[in-house]
Amino acid sequence: MTDQAARPTEGPQGHELRQADDRKVPWRVFGAIGAILGVIALIYWGTSYEEAGVVMLVVAAVLGLWVGVYLWLQQREPAARIDAAVAAGDAIAAEGRAEPGTGEAEDGHYLPHASVWPFAIGVGAATLANGLVLGLWVIVPGAVLLVVGIAGFVRQTRHRD
């Protein structure tokens, strides 16, 4: 048996011997999605002679790469953001007054940890958008659901349910 095989891979509480940087995973996934969609767009453009599909694939590739680059820039240098906040005079962001896990953002606003209201807002907005195509009979319920969702979310954030 070699020395490599005899060495344990886990400690008593799990995978603490191998520290992985999980912040790299999201930007790599979005970058890979953007790159794959870009290759698919090139293949589709060369074989289909159809412009609409090519445009949609290119837009999807660009959006995937855009999110990937944004996430990469966010995880790259967190200390630089604190220095920039100090230079801009944003004392709350520089000091980090909001404690993690409290549900408060850096500027002191409270957002609930779990809520059904964003789902209601999304369904209402989607129904309202479909109503623009289908007619007034879909716009009215979509608008009502959207208003109820927004009111419920505002109420929940104000009362800290």
N, C-alpha and C. Protein backbone atom coordinates (compact mmCIF):
# COMPACT_ATOMS: atom_id res chain seq x y z
N MET A 1 0.85 -1.18 0.00
CA MET A 1 0.00 0.00 0.00
C MET A 1 0.89 1.23 0.00
N THR A 2 0.56 2.18 -0.85
CA THR A 2 1.37 3.40 -0.95
C THR A 2 0.98 4.39 0.12
N ASP A 3 1.83 5.38 0.28
CA ASP A 3 1.57 6.44 1.26
C ASP A 3 0.33 7.25 0.88
N GLN A 4 0.07 7.43 -0.40
CA GLN A 4 -1.07 8.20 -0.87
C GLN A 4 -2.38 7.51 -0.50
N ALA A 5 -2.44 6.20 -0.61
CA ALA A 5 -3.66 5.47 -0.31
C ALA A 5 -3.93 5.41 1.19
N ALA A 6 -2.90 5.45 2.03
CA ALA A 6 -3.08 5.36 3.47
C ALA A 6 -3.52 6.67 4.10
N ARG A 7 -3.34 7.79 3.38
CA ARG A 7 -3.69 9.09 3.92
C ARG A 7 -5.21 9.29 3.92
N PRO A 8 -5.80 9.72 5.03
CA PRO A 8 -7.26 9.92 5.04
C PRO A 8 -7.67 11.13 4.21
N THR A 9 -8.88 11.06 3.66
CA THR A 9 -9.39 12.18 2.86
C THR A 9 -10.37 13.04 3.63
N GLU A 10 -10.85 12.56 4.75
CA GLU A 10 -11.81 13.33 5.54
C GLU A 10 -11.33 13.40 6.98
N GLY A 11 -11.76 14.47 7.63
CA GLY A 11 -11.50 14.61 9.04
C GLY A 11 -12.70 14.12 9.83
N PRO A 12 -12.72 14.34 11.13
CA PRO A 12 -13.82 13.85 11.95
C PRO A 12 -15.17 14.50 11.65
N GLN A 13 -15.19 15.70 11.06
CA GLN A 13 -16.44 16.39 10.81
C GLN A 13 -16.77 16.50 9.33
N GLY A 14 -16.10 15.78 8.48
CA GLY A 14 -16.42 15.83 7.07
C GLY A 14 -15.23 16.21 6.22
N HIS A 15 -15.46 17.08 5.26
CA HIS A 15 -14.45 17.42 4.27
C HIS A 15 -13.62 18.64 4.66
N GLU A 16 -13.22 18.75 5.92
CA GLU A 16 -12.49 19.94 6.31
C GLU A 16 -11.02 19.89 5.95
N LEU A 17 -10.51 18.75 5.55
CA LEU A 17 -9.10 18.69 5.17
C LEU A 17 -8.86 19.32 3.80
N ARG A 18 -9.86 19.31 2.94
CA ARG A 18 -9.72 19.87 1.61
C ARG A 18 -10.64 21.08 1.49
N GLN A 19 -10.07 22.25 1.48
CA GLN A 19 -10.86 23.47 1.41
C GLN A 19 -11.06 23.86 -0.04
N ALA A 20 -12.29 23.80 -0.52
CA ALA A 20 -12.62 24.18 -1.89
C ALA A 20 -13.24 25.58 -1.88
N ASP A 21 -12.95 26.33 -2.92
CA ASP A 21 -13.53 27.67 -3.05
C ASP A 21 -14.81 27.56 -3.86
N ASP A 22 -15.94 27.53 -3.17
CA ASP A 22 -17.23 27.35 -3.84
C ASP A 22 -17.65 28.57 -4.63
N ARG A 23 -17.00 29.69 -4.45
CA ARG A 23 -17.38 30.89 -5.18
C ARG A 23 -17.00 30.79 -6.66
N LYS A 24 -16.13 29.87 -7.01
CA LYS A 24 -15.72 29.72 -8.40
C LYS A 24 -16.75 28.95 -9.22
N VAL A 25 -17.57 28.16 -8.59
CA VAL A 25 -18.49 27.29 -9.31
C VAL A 25 -19.52 28.07 -10.13
N PRO A 26 -20.26 29.05 -9.57
CA PRO A 26 -21.29 29.72 -10.38
C PRO A 26 -20.77 30.42 -11.62
N TRP A 27 -19.66 31.14 -11.51
CA TRP A 27 -19.18 31.84 -12.70
C TRP A 27 -18.66 30.88 -13.74
N ARG A 28 -18.11 29.75 -13.31
CA ARG A 28 -17.66 28.74 -14.27
C ARG A 28 -18.84 28.09 -14.98
N VAL A 29 -19.92 27.84 -14.26
CA VAL A 29 -21.11 27.24 -14.86
C VAL A 29 -21.71 28.18 -15.90
N PHE A 30 -21.89 29.45 -15.54
CA PHE A 30 -22.45 30.40 -16.49
C PHE A 30 -21.51 30.64 -17.67
N GLY A 31 -20.22 30.67 -17.43
CA GLY A 31 -19.27 30.81 -18.53
C GLY A 31 -19.32 29.63 -19.48
N ALA A 32 -19.43 28.42 -18.91
CA ALA A 32 -19.53 27.23 -19.75
C ALA A 32 -20.83 27.22 -20.55
N ILE A 33 -21.93 27.62 -19.93
CA ILE A 33 -23.20 27.70 -20.65
C ILE A 33 -23.10 28.69 -21.80
N GLY A 34 -22.53 29.86 -21.54
CA GLY A 34 -22.36 30.86 -22.59
C GLY A 34 -21.48 30.37 -23.72
N ALA A 35 -20.38 29.70 -23.38
CA ALA A 35 -19.46 29.19 -24.41
C ALA A 35 -20.12 28.09 -25.24
N ILE A 36 -20.82 27.17 -24.59
CA ILE A 36 -21.50 26.09 -25.30
C ILE A 36 -22.57 26.65 -26.23
N LEU A 37 -23.35 27.60 -25.73
CA LEU A 37 -24.38 28.21 -26.58
C LEU A 37 -23.75 28.99 -27.74
N GLY A 38 -22.59 29.58 -27.53
CA GLY A 38 -21.89 30.26 -28.62
C GLY A 38 -21.46 29.28 -29.71
N VAL A 39 -20.95 28.12 -29.30
CA VAL A 39 -20.56 27.10 -30.27
C VAL A 39 -21.79 26.57 -31.01
N ILE A 40 -22.87 26.34 -30.28
CA ILE A 40 -24.10 25.88 -30.91
C ILE A 40 -24.62 26.93 -31.90
N ALA A 41 -24.52 28.21 -31.55
CA ALA A 41 -24.96 29.27 -32.46
C ALA A 41 -24.13 29.28 -33.74
N LEU A 42 -22.82 29.07 -33.62
CA LEU A 42 -21.98 29.00 -34.81
C LEU A 42 -22.36 27.83 -35.70
N ILE A 43 -22.57 26.67 -35.10
CA ILE A 43 -22.97 25.48 -35.87
C ILE A 43 -24.33 25.70 -36.52
N TYR A 44 -25.26 26.26 -35.76
CA TYR A 44 -26.61 26.51 -36.28
C TYR A 44 -26.58 27.51 -37.42
N TRP A 45 -25.76 28.54 -37.29
CA TRP A 45 -25.65 29.56 -38.33
C TRP A 45 -25.09 28.96 -39.62
N GLY A 46 -24.11 28.08 -39.48
CA GLY A 46 -23.50 27.47 -40.66
C GLY A 46 -24.35 26.41 -41.33
N THR A 47 -25.31 25.86 -40.62
CA THR A 47 -26.08 24.75 -41.20
C THR A 47 -27.53 25.07 -41.47
N SER A 48 -28.11 26.05 -40.83
CA SER A 48 -29.56 26.22 -40.94
C SER A 48 -30.00 27.32 -41.90
N TYR A 49 -29.20 28.35 -42.07
CA TYR A 49 -29.56 29.51 -42.90
C TYR A 49 -30.85 30.17 -42.41
N GLU A 50 -31.00 30.22 -41.11
CA GLU A 50 -32.20 30.81 -40.49
C GLU A 50 -31.72 31.83 -39.46
N GLU A 51 -32.16 33.07 -39.60
CA GLU A 51 -31.59 34.15 -38.81
C GLU A 51 -32.15 34.23 -37.39
N ALA A 52 -33.43 33.97 -37.20
CA ALA A 52 -34.06 34.16 -35.89
C ALA A 52 -33.45 33.24 -34.83
N GLY A 53 -33.26 31.98 -35.17
CA GLY A 53 -32.68 31.03 -34.22
C GLY A 53 -31.25 31.38 -33.87
N VAL A 54 -30.50 31.84 -34.88
CA VAL A 54 -29.11 32.25 -34.63
C VAL A 54 -29.07 33.43 -33.67
N VAL A 55 -29.93 34.40 -33.90
CA VAL A 55 -29.97 35.58 -33.03
C VAL A 55 -30.32 35.18 -31.59
N MET A 56 -31.31 34.30 -31.44
CA MET A 56 -31.70 33.88 -30.10
C MET A 56 -30.57 33.12 -29.40
N LEU A 57 -29.86 32.27 -30.12
CA LEU A 57 -28.74 31.54 -29.52
C LEU A 57 -27.60 32.48 -29.15
N VAL A 58 -27.33 33.47 -30.00
CA VAL A 58 -26.27 34.43 -29.69
C VAL A 58 -26.64 35.26 -28.47
N VAL A 59 -27.90 35.70 -28.39
CA VAL A 59 -28.34 36.48 -27.23
C VAL A 59 -28.23 35.64 -25.96
N ALA A 60 -28.64 34.37 -26.02
CA ALA A 60 -28.54 33.50 -24.85
C ALA A 60 -27.08 33.29 -24.45
N ALA A 61 -26.18 33.14 -25.44
CA ALA A 61 -24.76 32.98 -25.14
C ALA A 61 -24.19 34.23 -24.49
N VAL A 62 -24.55 35.38 -25.02
CA VAL A 62 -24.05 36.65 -24.46
C VAL A 62 -24.56 36.84 -23.03
N LEU A 63 -25.83 36.52 -22.79
CA LEU A 63 -26.37 36.67 -21.43
C LEU A 63 -25.68 35.71 -20.45
N GLY A 64 -25.43 34.47 -20.87
CA GLY A 64 -24.71 33.53 -20.00
C GLY A 64 -23.31 34.02 -19.68
N LEU A 65 -22.61 34.52 -20.70
CA LEU A 65 -21.26 35.05 -20.47
C LEU A 65 -21.29 36.32 -19.62
N TRP A 66 -22.32 37.12 -19.79
CA TRP A 66 -22.46 38.35 -19.02
C TRP A 66 -22.58 38.03 -17.53
N VAL A 67 -23.45 37.09 -17.19
CA VAL A 67 -23.62 36.70 -15.79
C VAL A 67 -22.34 36.08 -15.26
N GLY A 68 -21.69 35.24 -16.08
CA GLY A 68 -20.43 34.63 -15.66
C GLY A 68 -19.35 35.65 -15.35
N VAL A 69 -19.22 36.67 -16.20
CA VAL A 69 -18.22 37.72 -15.98
C VAL A 69 -18.57 38.53 -14.73
N TYR A 70 -19.85 38.83 -14.55
CA TYR A 70 -20.26 39.58 -13.35
C TYR A 70 -19.90 38.80 -12.08
N LEU A 71 -20.24 37.52 -12.04
CA LEU A 71 -19.93 36.71 -10.86
C LEU A 71 -18.43 36.57 -10.66
N TRP A 72 -17.68 36.47 -11.74
CA TRP A 72 -16.23 36.37 -11.63
C TRP A 72 -15.65 37.65 -11.03
N LEU A 73 -16.16 38.80 -11.49
CA LEU A 73 -15.68 40.07 -10.95
C LEU A 73 -16.06 40.25 -9.49
N GLN A 74 -17.22 39.74 -9.08
CA GLN A 74 -17.66 39.88 -7.69
C GLN A 74 -16.82 39.04 -6.74
N GLN A 75 -16.42 37.86 -7.15
CA GLN A 75 -15.66 37.00 -6.25
C GLN A 75 -14.16 37.25 -6.31
N ARG A 76 -13.72 37.99 -7.32
CA ARG A 76 -12.30 38.18 -7.55
C ARG A 76 -11.60 38.93 -6.44
N GLU A 77 -12.14 40.04 -6.02
CA GLU A 77 -11.44 40.89 -5.07
C GLU A 77 -12.41 41.55 -4.10
N PRO A 78 -12.86 40.83 -3.05
CA PRO A 78 -13.78 41.46 -2.11
C PRO A 78 -13.15 42.61 -1.32
N ALA A 79 -11.84 42.56 -1.09
CA ALA A 79 -11.19 43.64 -0.34
C ALA A 79 -11.19 44.93 -1.15
N ALA A 80 -11.13 44.83 -2.46
CA ALA A 80 -11.13 46.03 -3.30
C ALA A 80 -12.47 46.75 -3.21
N ARG A 81 -13.56 45.99 -3.03
CA ARG A 81 -14.87 46.63 -2.89
C ARG A 81 -14.97 47.39 -1.58
N ILE A 82 -14.38 46.87 -0.52
CA ILE A 82 -14.39 47.57 0.77
C ILE A 82 -13.57 48.85 0.66
N ASP A 83 -12.41 48.78 0.00
CA ASP A 83 -11.59 49.98 -0.20
C ASP A 83 -12.33 51.01 -1.03
N ALA A 84 -13.06 50.55 -2.05
CA ALA A 84 -13.83 51.48 -2.88
C ALA A 84 -14.97 52.11 -2.08
N ALA A 85 -15.58 51.33 -1.18
CA ALA A 85 -16.65 51.87 -0.35
C ALA A 85 -16.11 52.92 0.61
N VAL A 86 -14.92 52.68 1.15
CA VAL A 86 -14.31 53.67 2.05
C VAL A 86 -13.98 54.94 1.27
N ALA A 87 -13.46 54.78 0.05
CA ALA A 87 -13.11 55.95 -0.76
C ALA A 87 -14.36 56.73 -1.16
N ALA A 88 -15.49 56.01 -1.35
CA ALA A 88 -16.73 56.68 -1.73
C ALA A 88 -17.45 57.27 -0.53
N GLY A 89 -17.00 56.97 0.67
CA GLY A 89 -17.62 57.52 1.87
C GLY A 89 -18.79 56.71 2.37
N ASP A 90 -18.96 55.50 1.92
CA ASP A 90 -20.06 54.65 2.36
C ASP A 90 -19.62 53.90 3.62
N ALA A 91 -19.86 54.51 4.77
CA ALA A 91 -19.37 53.97 6.03
C ALA A 91 -20.07 52.66 6.40
N ILE A 92 -21.36 52.53 6.08
CA ILE A 92 -22.10 51.32 6.45
C ILE A 92 -21.55 50.12 5.70
N ALA A 93 -21.33 50.27 4.39
CA ALA A 93 -20.81 49.16 3.59
C ALA A 93 -19.37 48.84 3.99
N ALA A 94 -18.59 49.86 4.32
CA ALA A 94 -17.20 49.64 4.68
C ALA A 94 -17.07 48.93 6.02
N GLU A 95 -17.92 49.32 6.97
CA GLU A 95 -17.84 48.70 8.29
C GLU A 95 -18.54 47.36 8.34
N GLY A 96 -19.47 47.13 7.41
CA GLY A 96 -20.19 45.87 7.41
C GLY A 96 -21.07 45.73 8.65
N ARG A 97 -21.86 46.75 8.96
CA ARG A 97 -22.67 46.74 10.18
C ARG A 97 -23.73 45.66 10.21
N ALA A 98 -24.26 45.30 9.05
CA ALA A 98 -25.30 44.27 9.03
C ALA A 98 -24.65 42.93 9.28
N GLU A 99 -25.15 42.23 10.28
CA GLU A 99 -24.59 40.94 10.63
C GLU A 99 -25.15 39.87 9.72
N PRO A 100 -24.32 38.91 9.30
CA PRO A 100 -24.82 37.85 8.43
C PRO A 100 -25.89 37.03 9.13
N GLY A 101 -26.90 36.65 8.37
CA GLY A 101 -27.95 35.80 8.91
C GLY A 101 -29.07 36.56 9.61
N THR A 102 -28.99 37.89 9.68
CA THR A 102 -30.05 38.63 10.35
C THR A 102 -31.16 39.03 9.41
N GLY A 103 -30.93 38.90 8.09
CA GLY A 103 -31.94 39.30 7.12
C GLY A 103 -31.88 40.78 6.79
N GLU A 104 -30.96 41.50 7.38
CA GLU A 104 -30.84 42.92 7.09
C GLU A 104 -29.76 43.13 6.04
N ALA A 105 -30.06 43.99 5.09
CA ALA A 105 -29.08 44.33 4.07
C ALA A 105 -28.06 45.30 4.66
N GLU A 106 -27.06 45.65 3.86
CA GLU A 106 -26.02 46.54 4.37
C GLU A 106 -26.55 47.91 4.74
N ASP A 107 -27.65 48.34 4.12
CA ASP A 107 -28.17 49.65 4.45
C ASP A 107 -29.25 49.60 5.53
N GLY A 108 -29.45 48.46 6.17
CA GLY A 108 -30.36 48.36 7.30
C GLY A 108 -31.77 47.93 6.96
N HIS A 109 -32.09 47.69 5.70
CA HIS A 109 -33.43 47.26 5.32
C HIS A 109 -33.60 45.78 5.61
N TYR A 110 -34.79 45.41 6.02
CA TYR A 110 -35.08 44.02 6.36
C TYR A 110 -35.77 43.34 5.19
N LEU A 111 -35.34 42.15 4.83
CA LEU A 111 -36.02 41.31 3.86
C LEU A 111 -36.24 39.94 4.50
N PRO A 112 -37.41 39.36 4.32
CA PRO A 112 -37.68 38.06 4.93
C PRO A 112 -36.82 36.96 4.30
N HIS A 113 -36.54 35.93 5.08
CA HIS A 113 -35.73 34.82 4.58
C HIS A 113 -36.50 33.95 3.60
N ALA A 114 -37.74 33.65 3.91
CA ALA A 114 -38.56 32.81 3.04
C ALA A 114 -39.93 33.47 2.91
N SER A 115 -40.43 33.54 1.68
CA SER A 115 -41.70 34.19 1.47
C SER A 115 -42.33 33.64 0.19
N VAL A 116 -43.64 33.56 0.18
CA VAL A 116 -44.37 33.13 -1.00
C VAL A 116 -44.69 34.32 -1.91
N TRP A 117 -44.55 35.53 -1.41
CA TRP A 117 -44.97 36.71 -2.16
C TRP A 117 -44.16 36.97 -3.43
N PRO A 118 -42.87 36.73 -3.48
CA PRO A 118 -42.17 36.89 -4.77
C PRO A 118 -42.72 35.96 -5.85
N PHE A 119 -43.13 34.76 -5.47
CA PHE A 119 -43.75 33.86 -6.44
C PHE A 119 -45.07 34.44 -6.96
N ALA A 120 -45.87 35.00 -6.05
CA ALA A 120 -47.14 35.61 -6.46
C ALA A 120 -46.89 36.82 -7.37
N ILE A 121 -45.86 37.59 -7.07
CA ILE A 121 -45.51 38.73 -7.92
C ILE A 121 -45.10 38.24 -9.31
N GLY A 122 -44.30 37.19 -9.37
CA GLY A 122 -43.87 36.66 -10.66
C GLY A 122 -45.02 36.11 -11.49
N VAL A 123 -45.92 35.36 -10.84
CA VAL A 123 -47.08 34.81 -11.56
C VAL A 123 -47.99 35.95 -12.03
N GLY A 124 -48.18 36.95 -11.18
CA GLY A 124 -48.99 38.10 -11.58
C GLY A 124 -48.39 38.86 -12.75
N ALA A 125 -47.07 39.07 -12.73
CA ALA A 125 -46.42 39.78 -13.83
C ALA A 125 -46.48 38.97 -15.12
N ALA A 126 -46.28 37.66 -15.02
CA ALA A 126 -46.35 36.81 -16.21
C ALA A 126 -47.77 36.79 -16.77
N THR A 127 -48.77 36.71 -15.90
CA THR A 127 -50.16 36.72 -16.35
C THR A 127 -50.50 38.06 -16.99
N LEU A 128 -50.04 39.13 -16.38
CA LEU A 128 -50.27 40.47 -16.94
C LEU A 128 -49.62 40.61 -18.32
N ALA A 129 -48.40 40.11 -18.47
CA ALA A 129 -47.71 40.19 -19.76
C ALA A 129 -48.44 39.35 -20.81
N ASN A 130 -48.93 38.16 -20.44
CA ASN A 130 -49.71 37.36 -21.38
C ASN A 130 -51.02 38.05 -21.73
N GLY A 131 -51.56 38.79 -20.79
CA GLY A 131 -52.80 39.51 -21.05
C GLY A 131 -52.64 40.59 -22.10
N LEU A 132 -51.43 41.13 -22.25
CA LEU A 132 -51.19 42.12 -23.30
C LEU A 132 -51.39 41.51 -24.68
N VAL A 133 -51.17 40.20 -24.78
CA VAL A 133 -51.36 39.51 -26.05
C VAL A 133 -52.79 38.97 -26.17
N LEU A 134 -53.29 38.40 -25.08
CA LEU A 134 -54.57 37.68 -25.14
C LEU A 134 -55.79 38.57 -24.95
N GLY A 135 -55.67 39.61 -24.16
CA GLY A 135 -56.82 40.50 -24.00
C GLY A 135 -57.04 40.91 -22.56
N LEU A 136 -58.07 41.74 -22.38
CA LEU A 136 -58.39 42.32 -21.08
C LEU A 136 -58.80 41.27 -20.06
N TRP A 137 -59.40 40.17 -20.52
CA TRP A 137 -59.86 39.15 -19.59
C TRP A 137 -58.70 38.45 -18.88
N VAL A 138 -57.45 38.58 -19.37
CA VAL A 138 -56.28 38.04 -18.69
C VAL A 138 -55.51 39.14 -17.98
N ILE A 139 -55.61 40.37 -18.48
CA ILE A 139 -54.90 41.49 -17.86
C ILE A 139 -55.43 41.76 -16.45
N VAL A 140 -56.75 41.74 -16.28
CA VAL A 140 -57.35 42.09 -14.98
C VAL A 140 -56.93 41.12 -13.88
N PRO A 141 -57.06 39.79 -14.05
CA PRO A 141 -56.60 38.90 -12.97
C PRO A 141 -55.09 38.99 -12.74
N GLY A 142 -54.31 39.21 -13.82
CA GLY A 142 -52.86 39.36 -13.65
C GLY A 142 -52.52 40.60 -12.85
N ALA A 143 -53.21 41.70 -13.13
CA ALA A 143 -52.95 42.94 -12.39
C ALA A 143 -53.36 42.79 -10.92
N VAL A 144 -54.49 42.12 -10.69
CA VAL A 144 -54.94 41.91 -9.31
C VAL A 144 -53.93 41.06 -8.55
N LEU A 145 -53.47 39.97 -9.16
CA LEU A 145 -52.49 39.10 -8.49
C LEU A 145 -51.18 39.83 -8.26
N LEU A 146 -50.77 40.64 -9.19
CA LEU A 146 -49.54 41.42 -9.03
C LEU A 146 -49.65 42.40 -7.87
N VAL A 147 -50.76 43.11 -7.79
CA VAL A 147 -50.96 44.08 -6.70
C VAL A 147 -51.04 43.37 -5.35
N VAL A 148 -51.76 42.24 -5.29
CA VAL A 148 -51.86 41.49 -4.03
C VAL A 148 -50.48 40.97 -3.62
N GLY A 149 -49.70 40.49 -4.57
CA GLY A 149 -48.35 40.00 -4.26
C GLY A 149 -47.45 41.09 -3.74
N ILE A 150 -47.49 42.25 -4.38
CA ILE A 150 -46.65 43.38 -3.92
C ILE A 150 -47.10 43.84 -2.54
N ALA A 151 -48.41 43.93 -2.32
CA ALA A 151 -48.92 44.37 -1.01
C ALA A 151 -48.55 43.36 0.08
N GLY A 152 -48.66 42.08 -0.22
CA GLY A 152 -48.29 41.06 0.77
C GLY A 152 -46.81 41.10 1.10
N PHE A 153 -45.98 41.30 0.09
CA PHE A 153 -44.53 41.35 0.34
C PHE A 153 -44.17 42.58 1.16
N VAL A 154 -44.77 43.72 0.83
CA VAL A 154 -44.50 44.94 1.60
C VAL A 154 -44.96 44.77 3.04
N ARG A 155 -46.15 44.18 3.23
CA ARG A 155 -46.66 43.96 4.57
C ARG A 155 -45.73 43.04 5.37
N GLN A 156 -45.23 42.00 4.71
CA GLN A 156 -44.36 41.05 5.40
C GLN A 156 -43.02 41.70 5.78
N THR A 157 -42.50 42.55 4.93
CA THR A 157 -41.23 43.19 5.27
C THR A 157 -41.40 44.24 6.35
N ARG A 158 -42.56 44.87 6.42
CA ARG A 158 -42.80 45.88 7.44
C ARG A 158 -43.03 45.26 8.82
N HIS A 159 -43.73 44.13 8.85
CA HIS A 159 -44.08 43.51 10.14
C HIS A 159 -43.11 42.43 10.58
N ARG A 160 -42.12 42.13 9.74
CA ARG A 160 -41.11 41.12 10.04
C ARG A 160 -41.74 39.80 10.48
N ASP A 161 -42.63 39.29 9.64
CA ASP A 161 -43.29 38.00 9.92
C ASP A 161 -42.30 36.87 9.88
